[in-house]
């Protein structure tokens, strides 16, 4: 049986993302999910800007994870980003 840590993928998003970054981010996340087949992806969002592009990035990651049979959880989330995520109906990410 695989060790629990081996079944967890850890990703970090920091700063302000540009909309042009999203296709590359989504492709990179897909590749990591396919390579590791985790049960859980922990997304560290410390200092991630609380804006529409960040929300779109998190929604893309959540979609990719669901398609791979993986759940995601956000960690180190600012109050502003948490509020934005919850307003968008993605509160299950916490």
Protein backbone atom coordinates (compact mmCIF):
# COMPACT_ATOMS: atom_id res chain seq x y z
CA UNK A 1 0.00 0.00 0.00
CA UNK A 2 1.28 3.50 -0.84
CA UNK A 3 2.31 5.79 1.98
CA UNK A 4 -0.26 8.55 2.68
CA UNK A 5 2.22 11.32 1.82
CA UNK A 6 2.82 9.72 -1.57
CA UNK A 7 -0.89 10.06 -2.30
CA UNK A 8 -0.85 13.83 -1.65
CA UNK A 9 0.27 16.39 -4.20
CA UNK A 10 1.35 19.78 -2.86
CA UNK A 11 1.14 22.86 -5.08
CA UNK A 12 1.73 26.53 -4.29
CA UNK A 13 0.24 29.61 -5.95
CA UNK A 14 1.69 32.98 -5.02
CA UNK A 15 1.31 36.61 -5.97
CA UNK A 16 -0.83 37.95 -8.78
CA UNK A 17 -1.62 35.66 -11.69
CA UNK A 18 -2.24 36.95 -15.20
CA UNK A 19 -5.03 35.52 -17.30
CA UNK A 20 -2.39 34.55 -19.90
CA UNK A 21 -0.80 32.27 -17.27
CA UNK A 22 -3.91 30.10 -16.89
CA UNK A 23 -3.52 27.73 -19.88
CA UNK A 24 0.05 26.88 -18.83
CA UNK A 25 -0.98 26.52 -15.20
CA UNK A 26 -3.86 24.19 -16.10
CA UNK A 27 -1.61 22.08 -18.34
CA UNK A 28 1.06 21.85 -15.63
CA UNK A 29 -1.47 20.82 -13.01
CA UNK A 30 -2.90 18.19 -15.36
CA UNK A 31 0.57 16.74 -15.98
CA UNK A 32 1.36 16.59 -12.25
CA UNK A 33 -1.99 14.95 -11.49
CA UNK A 34 -1.47 12.37 -14.23
CA UNK A 35 2.09 11.64 -13.09
CA UNK A 36 1.34 11.27 -9.37
CA UNK A 37 -2.32 10.12 -9.28
CA UNK A 38 -2.88 11.68 -5.83
CA UNK A 39 -5.98 11.29 -3.71
CA UNK A 40 -5.56 14.82 -2.35
CA UNK A 41 -3.97 17.98 -3.71
CA UNK A 42 -3.03 20.59 -1.11
CA UNK A 43 -2.91 24.05 -2.67
CA UNK A 44 -0.92 26.58 -0.67
CA UNK A 45 -2.36 29.98 -1.56
CA UNK A 46 -0.36 32.14 0.86
CA UNK A 47 -0.07 35.63 -0.61
CA UNK A 48 -2.17 34.76 -3.68
CA UNK A 49 -3.99 37.87 -4.81
CA UNK A 50 -7.73 37.77 -4.10
CA UNK A 51 -8.96 38.58 -7.58
CA UNK A 52 -10.96 37.12 -10.45
CA UNK A 53 -7.92 35.54 -12.11
CA UNK A 54 -6.96 33.74 -8.90
CA UNK A 55 -10.54 32.50 -8.57
CA UNK A 56 -10.48 31.27 -12.18
CA UNK A 57 -7.16 29.50 -11.54
CA UNK A 58 -8.56 27.75 -8.47
CA UNK A 59 -11.68 26.71 -10.37
CA UNK A 60 -9.51 25.28 -13.19
CA UNK A 61 -7.39 23.36 -10.70
CA UNK A 62 -10.50 22.05 -8.96
CA UNK A 63 -11.92 20.89 -12.30
CA UNK A 64 -8.67 19.17 -13.30
CA UNK A 65 -8.47 17.49 -9.90
CA UNK A 66 -12.06 16.22 -10.04
CA UNK A 67 -11.46 14.79 -13.49
CA UNK A 68 -8.42 12.96 -12.08
CA UNK A 69 -10.42 11.61 -9.13
CA UNK A 70 -8.61 13.85 -6.68
CA UNK A 71 -9.98 16.24 -4.06
CA UNK A 72 -8.30 19.55 -3.29
CA UNK A 73 -7.90 21.62 -0.17
CA UNK A 74 -6.65 25.19 0.11
CA UNK A 75 -4.22 26.13 2.84
CA UNK A 76 -2.85 29.45 4.14
CA UNK A 77 -5.75 31.30 2.55
CA UNK A 78 -6.19 35.01 3.25
CA UNK A 79 -9.54 36.23 4.53
CA UNK A 80 -10.17 38.08 1.26
CA UNK A 81 -9.46 35.08 -0.93
CA UNK A 82 -11.51 32.83 1.35
CA UNK A 83 -14.47 35.19 1.05
CA UNK A 84 -14.14 35.35 -2.74
CA UNK A 85 -13.94 31.55 -3.03
CA UNK A 86 -16.99 31.11 -0.80
CA UNK A 87 -18.98 33.75 -2.73
CA UNK A 88 -18.20 31.82 -5.93
CA UNK A 89 -19.67 28.67 -4.41
CA UNK A 90 -16.34 26.89 -4.05
CA UNK A 91 -16.33 26.78 -0.26
CA UNK A 92 -15.86 23.00 -0.31
CA UNK A 93 -12.21 23.66 -1.17
CA UNK A 94 -11.43 24.42 2.49
